[in-house]
Amino acid sequence: MLTGLAAALAAAALFGVAAVLQAHRVRLLPQLQGGLGRFLVAGARDPVVLAVVAAYLGGFLLHAVAIVYLPLYLAQAAISLSMPITAITASRLLHEPLGWSRWLAVAAVTLGIVVLAVSSGDPGEPAAGTGLALAVWLLVAACVAAGVTLRRHPLWLGVASGTGYAGSAIAVRGIELRLSPAVLVTALAVPALGAVAFWLYSLALASTTVTPATAALIVMQTFVPALVGLALLGDGVRPGWWGGVAAGTALAVAGAVRLGDRAAPP
């Protein structure tokens, strides 16, 4: 468990700092605020965007390690620590200040992760199959559609982005060493979901401050895989500690929501 938790916390640090750099760059370059194709072309030419992508890729690899060693609800909750890291970094670099109540929210996220770590059981086994492969690609299509229809609603773009990242985490649990068509199709969905979620998050960051957009992302990225892992993928809970899982998840997500409860222009 310690290996997985360390990987998740390191990933959270990378994600948290990268989000602030991403917001700063998106606001400077209008060409990063367009459709998916235009965004990918412009991003591929910008060294700062490429550095942000490299940070996200490093974080994703660490996140994948965490998903192997931890139940999804713990891996995703640990990743939610990127929210306070983002908030603190944005307050320093982008002059988006935190009040005392938001510092309490940072403490709530941290405490929630500690409670979840104490409460967690064993992770489930890989869940490769045609059903999962189809589901994750339908999610790719839904996320692309969200980017087209929700362009003027930054918080909903954050929700859609978090759903995309949640799908990539679930898809990782469908990858195993024994290759099959379903495993390959599922594996291809991981970078596709990551790219679309990155685009959606960039659109959100262009229209609101970093913290609200990130909070919406974190809530979906935490809750969706947690529920899927417990209900369908065999993730375990320490005997007698279901209350701890519920309380830890509630604390972590409530803290993230409090950090992002006020959407404002950047």
Protein backbone atom coordinates (compact mmCIF):
# COMPACT_ATOMS: atom_id res chain seq x y z
CA MET A 1 0.00 0.00 0.00
CA LEU A 2 2.80 2.45 0.82
CA THR A 3 4.14 2.22 -2.74
CA GLY A 4 0.73 3.03 -4.19
CA LEU A 5 0.07 5.86 -1.74
CA ALA A 6 3.48 7.44 -2.37
CA ALA A 7 2.87 7.23 -6.14
CA ALA A 8 -0.58 8.82 -5.78
CA LEU A 9 0.72 11.70 -3.65
CA ALA A 10 3.58 12.38 -6.07
CA ALA A 11 1.08 12.36 -8.95
CA ALA A 12 -1.12 14.82 -7.04
CA ALA A 13 1.83 17.20 -6.66
CA LEU A 14 2.54 17.08 -10.40
CA PHE A 15 -1.13 17.53 -11.31
CA GLY A 16 -1.56 20.41 -8.87
CA VAL A 17 1.34 22.50 -10.14
CA ALA A 18 0.67 21.63 -13.80
CA ALA A 19 -2.91 22.90 -13.49
CA VAL A 20 -1.71 26.38 -12.55
CA LEU A 21 0.83 26.49 -15.38
CA GLN A 22 -1.86 25.28 -17.77
CA ALA A 23 -4.26 28.02 -16.66
CA HIS A 24 -1.60 30.70 -17.07
CA ARG A 25 -0.75 29.58 -20.60
CA VAL A 26 -4.33 29.09 -21.78
CA ARG A 27 -5.20 32.64 -20.75
CA LEU A 28 -2.22 34.04 -22.66
CA LEU A 29 -2.87 32.15 -25.91
CA PRO A 30 -6.39 32.50 -27.40
CA GLN A 31 -5.66 29.73 -29.91
CA LEU A 32 -5.75 27.26 -27.01
CA GLN A 33 -9.39 28.17 -26.35
CA GLY A 34 -10.88 26.77 -29.57
CA GLY A 35 -11.98 23.37 -30.81
CA LEU A 36 -10.15 20.13 -30.08
CA GLY A 37 -8.19 20.06 -33.37
CA ARG A 38 -7.07 23.68 -33.09
CA PHE A 39 -6.14 23.13 -29.46
CA LEU A 40 -3.97 20.09 -30.23
CA VAL A 41 -2.13 21.86 -33.07
CA ALA A 42 -1.46 25.01 -31.03
CA GLY A 43 -0.44 23.04 -27.96
CA ALA A 44 2.03 20.93 -29.91
CA ARG A 45 3.86 24.11 -30.95
CA ASP A 46 4.08 25.69 -27.51
CA PRO A 47 6.97 24.63 -25.21
CA VAL A 48 5.12 25.55 -22.02
CA VAL A 49 2.09 23.48 -23.00
CA LEU A 50 4.41 20.59 -23.87
CA ALA A 51 6.02 20.91 -20.43
CA VAL A 52 2.57 20.82 -18.84
CA VAL A 53 1.72 17.72 -20.88
CA ALA A 54 4.98 16.10 -19.75
CA ALA A 55 4.06 16.83 -16.12
CA TYR A 56 0.61 15.31 -16.65
CA LEU A 57 2.13 12.23 -18.31
CA GLY A 58 4.51 11.77 -15.39
CA GLY A 59 1.61 12.18 -13.02
CA PHE A 60 -0.47 9.72 -15.00
CA LEU A 61 2.23 7.05 -14.86
CA LEU A 62 2.46 7.49 -11.10
CA HIS A 63 -1.34 7.44 -10.93
CA ALA A 64 -1.39 4.15 -12.86
CA VAL A 65 1.01 2.67 -10.29
CA ALA A 66 -1.34 3.82 -7.53
CA ILE A 67 -4.34 2.23 -9.28
CA VAL A 68 -2.51 -1.12 -9.37
CA TYR A 69 -1.63 -1.07 -5.67
CA LEU A 70 -4.66 0.70 -4.17
CA PRO A 71 -8.45 0.48 -4.34
CA LEU A 72 -9.75 3.08 -6.78
CA TYR A 73 -11.49 5.06 -4.04
CA LEU A 74 -8.18 5.57 -2.20
CA ALA A 75 -6.12 6.20 -5.34
CA GLN A 76 -8.59 8.83 -6.56
CA ALA A 77 -8.97 10.48 -3.15
CA ALA A 78 -5.19 10.77 -2.85
CA ILE A 79 -5.14 12.40 -6.27
CA SER A 80 -7.64 14.94 -4.91
CA LEU A 81 -4.77 16.35 -2.87
CA SER A 82 -3.87 18.09 -6.13
CA MET A 83 -6.76 20.46 -5.34
CA PRO A 84 -5.15 22.16 -2.33
CA ILE A 85 -1.79 22.11 -4.14
CA THR A 86 -3.45 23.88 -7.07
CA ALA A 87 -5.19 26.36 -4.78
CA ILE A 88 -2.01 27.22 -2.87
CA THR A 89 0.08 27.52 -6.04
CA ALA A 90 -2.57 29.67 -7.75
CA SER A 91 -2.73 31.97 -4.72
CA ARG A 92 1.01 32.60 -5.04
CA LEU A 93 1.56 32.67 -8.80
CA LEU A 94 -1.78 33.86 -10.20
CA HIS A 95 -2.84 36.05 -7.26
CA GLU A 96 -6.02 34.07 -6.56
CA PRO A 97 -6.04 34.37 -2.74
CA LEU A 98 -7.30 31.82 -0.21
CA GLY A 99 -9.31 32.91 2.85
CA TRP A 100 -9.23 31.12 6.19
CA SER A 101 -12.22 28.93 5.28
CA ARG A 102 -10.37 27.62 2.24
CA TRP A 103 -7.35 26.80 4.38
CA LEU A 104 -9.75 24.72 6.50
CA ALA A 105 -10.87 23.06 3.28
CA VAL A 106 -7.26 22.17 2.50
CA ALA A 107 -7.06 20.51 5.93
CA ALA A 108 -10.32 18.64 5.25
CA VAL A 109 -9.00 17.16 2.01
CA THR A 110 -5.81 16.04 3.75
CA LEU A 111 -7.64 14.52 6.71
CA GLY A 112 -10.07 12.74 4.40
CA ILE A 113 -7.21 11.05 2.59
CA VAL A 114 -5.67 9.91 5.89
CA VAL A 115 -9.00 8.40 7.00
CA LEU A 116 -9.40 6.62 3.66
CA ALA A 117 -5.88 5.21 3.87
CA VAL A 118 -6.63 3.72 7.29
CA SER A 119 -9.99 2.32 6.09
CA SER A 120 -8.95 0.79 2.77
CA GLY A 121 -8.72 -2.89 1.89
CA ASP A 122 -7.27 -4.73 -1.09
CA PRO A 123 -7.68 -3.54 -4.70
CA GLY A 124 -9.75 -5.57 -7.13
CA GLU A 125 -8.37 -7.59 -10.02
CA PRO A 126 -8.07 -6.29 -13.62
CA ALA A 127 -11.48 -6.21 -15.29
CA ALA A 128 -10.75 -6.56 -19.00
CA GLY A 129 -13.70 -7.21 -21.29
CA THR A 130 -15.71 -6.07 -24.29
CA GLY A 131 -18.22 -4.24 -22.12
CA LEU A 132 -15.57 -2.05 -20.50
CA ALA A 133 -13.90 -1.36 -23.86
CA LEU A 134 -17.20 -0.20 -25.35
CA ALA A 135 -18.09 1.89 -22.29
CA VAL A 136 -14.85 3.86 -22.22
CA TRP A 137 -15.06 4.71 -25.93
CA LEU A 138 -18.66 5.85 -25.53
CA LEU A 139 -17.34 8.08 -22.76
CA VAL A 140 -14.74 9.53 -25.15
CA ALA A 141 -17.53 10.49 -27.55
CA ALA A 142 -19.63 11.97 -24.74
CA CYS A 143 -16.73 14.10 -23.52
CA VAL A 144 -16.07 15.46 -27.02
CA ALA A 145 -19.76 16.34 -27.31
CA ALA A 146 -19.59 18.11 -23.94
CA GLY A 147 -16.74 20.27 -25.18
CA VAL A 148 -18.86 21.41 -28.12
CA THR A 149 -22.10 22.06 -26.20
CA LEU A 150 -20.81 23.40 -22.85
CA ARG A 151 -18.27 25.93 -24.12
CA ARG A 152 -19.77 28.79 -22.08
CA HIS A 153 -20.25 26.84 -18.86
CA PRO A 154 -16.82 26.47 -17.20
CA LEU A 155 -17.95 24.53 -14.14
CA TRP A 156 -19.74 21.97 -16.31
CA LEU A 157 -16.61 21.75 -18.44
CA GLY A 158 -14.75 20.95 -15.22
CA VAL A 159 -17.30 18.23 -14.47
CA ALA A 160 -16.89 16.79 -17.98
CA SER A 161 -13.11 16.92 -17.68
CA GLY A 162 -13.22 15.11 -14.34
CA THR A 163 -15.48 12.47 -15.88
CA GLY A 164 -12.95 11.96 -18.67
CA TYR A 165 -10.09 11.54 -16.21
CA ALA A 166 -12.27 9.20 -14.15
CA GLY A 167 -12.84 7.10 -17.26
CA SER A 168 -9.11 6.87 -17.91
CA ALA A 169 -8.54 5.63 -14.35
CA ILE A 170 -11.23 2.99 -14.74
CA ALA A 171 -9.82 1.99 -18.13
CA VAL A 172 -6.41 1.34 -16.54
CA ARG A 173 -8.06 -1.38 -14.45
CA GLY A 174 -9.13 -3.03 -17.70
CA ILE A 175 -5.54 -3.48 -18.90
CA GLU A 176 -3.70 -6.72 -18.20
CA LEU A 177 -0.54 -8.43 -19.47
CA ARG A 178 -2.51 -11.08 -21.35
CA LEU A 179 -3.31 -9.17 -24.54
CA SER A 180 -6.65 -9.47 -26.30
CA PRO A 181 -8.64 -7.22 -28.64
CA ALA A 182 -10.66 -5.90 -25.69
CA VAL A 183 -7.51 -5.07 -23.72
CA LEU A 184 -5.95 -3.24 -26.69
CA VAL A 185 -9.11 -1.23 -27.37
CA THR A 186 -9.36 -0.32 -23.68
CA ALA A 187 -5.69 0.67 -23.57
CA LEU A 188 -6.15 3.01 -26.54
CA ALA A 189 -8.99 4.73 -24.71
CA VAL A 190 -6.66 5.79 -21.87
CA PRO A 191 -4.69 8.42 -23.86
CA ALA A 192 -7.82 9.40 -25.80
CA LEU A 193 -9.71 10.17 -22.59
CA GLY A 194 -6.68 11.96 -21.18
CA ALA A 195 -6.33 14.21 -24.24
CA VAL A 196 -10.03 15.10 -24.36
CA ALA A 197 -10.15 15.74 -20.60
CA PHE A 198 -7.07 17.98 -20.88
CA TRP A 199 -8.81 19.99 -23.63
CA LEU A 200 -12.03 20.32 -21.59
CA TYR A 201 -10.07 21.47 -18.55
CA SER A 202 -8.24 24.06 -20.65
CA LEU A 203 -11.56 25.45 -21.89
CA ALA A 204 -12.78 25.69 -18.29
CA LEU A 205 -9.60 27.43 -17.13
CA ALA A 206 -9.97 30.03 -19.87
CA SER A 207 -13.34 31.14 -18.44
CA THR A 208 -12.98 30.96 -14.65
CA THR A 209 -10.37 30.94 -11.91
CA VAL A 210 -8.29 27.82 -11.40
CA THR A 211 -9.78 26.64 -8.11
CA PRO A 212 -13.48 26.30 -9.12
CA ALA A 213 -12.67 24.50 -12.37
CA THR A 214 -10.32 22.14 -10.56
CA ALA A 215 -12.80 21.45 -7.76
CA ALA A 216 -15.46 20.36 -10.25
CA LEU A 217 -12.90 18.12 -11.93
CA ILE A 218 -11.76 16.58 -8.63
CA VAL A 219 -15.28 15.74 -7.45
CA MET A 220 -16.02 13.70 -10.57
CA GLN A 221 -12.53 12.22 -10.76
CA THR A 222 -12.90 10.99 -7.18
CA PHE A 223 -16.51 9.85 -6.93
CA VAL A 224 -17.03 8.06 -10.26
CA PRO A 225 -14.07 5.63 -10.02
CA ALA A 226 -14.73 5.09 -6.31
CA LEU A 227 -18.29 3.95 -6.95
CA VAL A 228 -17.34 1.84 -9.97
CA GLY A 229 -14.45 0.23 -8.09
CA LEU A 230 -16.57 -0.72 -5.08
CA ALA A 231 -19.65 -1.79 -7.05
CA LEU A 232 -18.14 -3.51 -10.09
CA LEU A 233 -14.38 -4.02 -9.82
CA GLY A 234 -14.05 -5.80 -6.49
CA ASP A 235 -12.26 -3.11 -4.47
CA GLY A 236 -12.21 -4.04 -0.79
CA VAL A 237 -12.66 -2.19 2.48
CA ARG A 238 -11.00 -2.99 5.80
CA PRO A 239 -13.50 -5.06 7.86
CA GLY A 240 -15.75 -2.79 9.88
CA TRP A 241 -14.44 0.38 8.24
CA TRP A 242 -17.15 1.23 5.71
CA GLY A 243 -17.97 4.28 7.82
CA GLY A 244 -14.36 5.39 7.50
CA VAL A 245 -14.52 5.12 3.72
CA ALA A 246 -17.72 7.17 3.64
CA ALA A 247 -16.38 9.79 6.05
CA GLY A 248 -13.00 10.05 4.34
CA THR A 249 -14.52 10.42 0.89
CA ALA A 250 -17.01 13.01 2.18
CA LEU A 251 -14.26 15.03 3.85
CA ALA A 252 -11.99 14.98 0.81
CA VAL A 253 -14.72 15.91 -1.65
CA ALA A 254 -16.35 18.50 0.65
CA GLY A 255 -12.99 20.18 1.03
CA ALA A 256 -12.51 20.24 -2.74
CA VAL A 257 -16.02 21.67 -3.24
CA ARG A 258 -15.41 24.38 -0.62
CA LEU A 259 -12.18 25.33 -2.34
CA GLY A 260 -14.09 25.81 -5.58
CA ASP A 261 -17.48 27.10 -4.51
CA ARG A 262 -17.10 30.47 -6.18
CA ALA A 263 -16.62 30.65 -9.92
CA ALA A 264 -15.23 33.97 -11.07
CA PRO A 265 -13.63 35.33 -14.21
CA PRO A 266 -9.85 34.77 -14.25
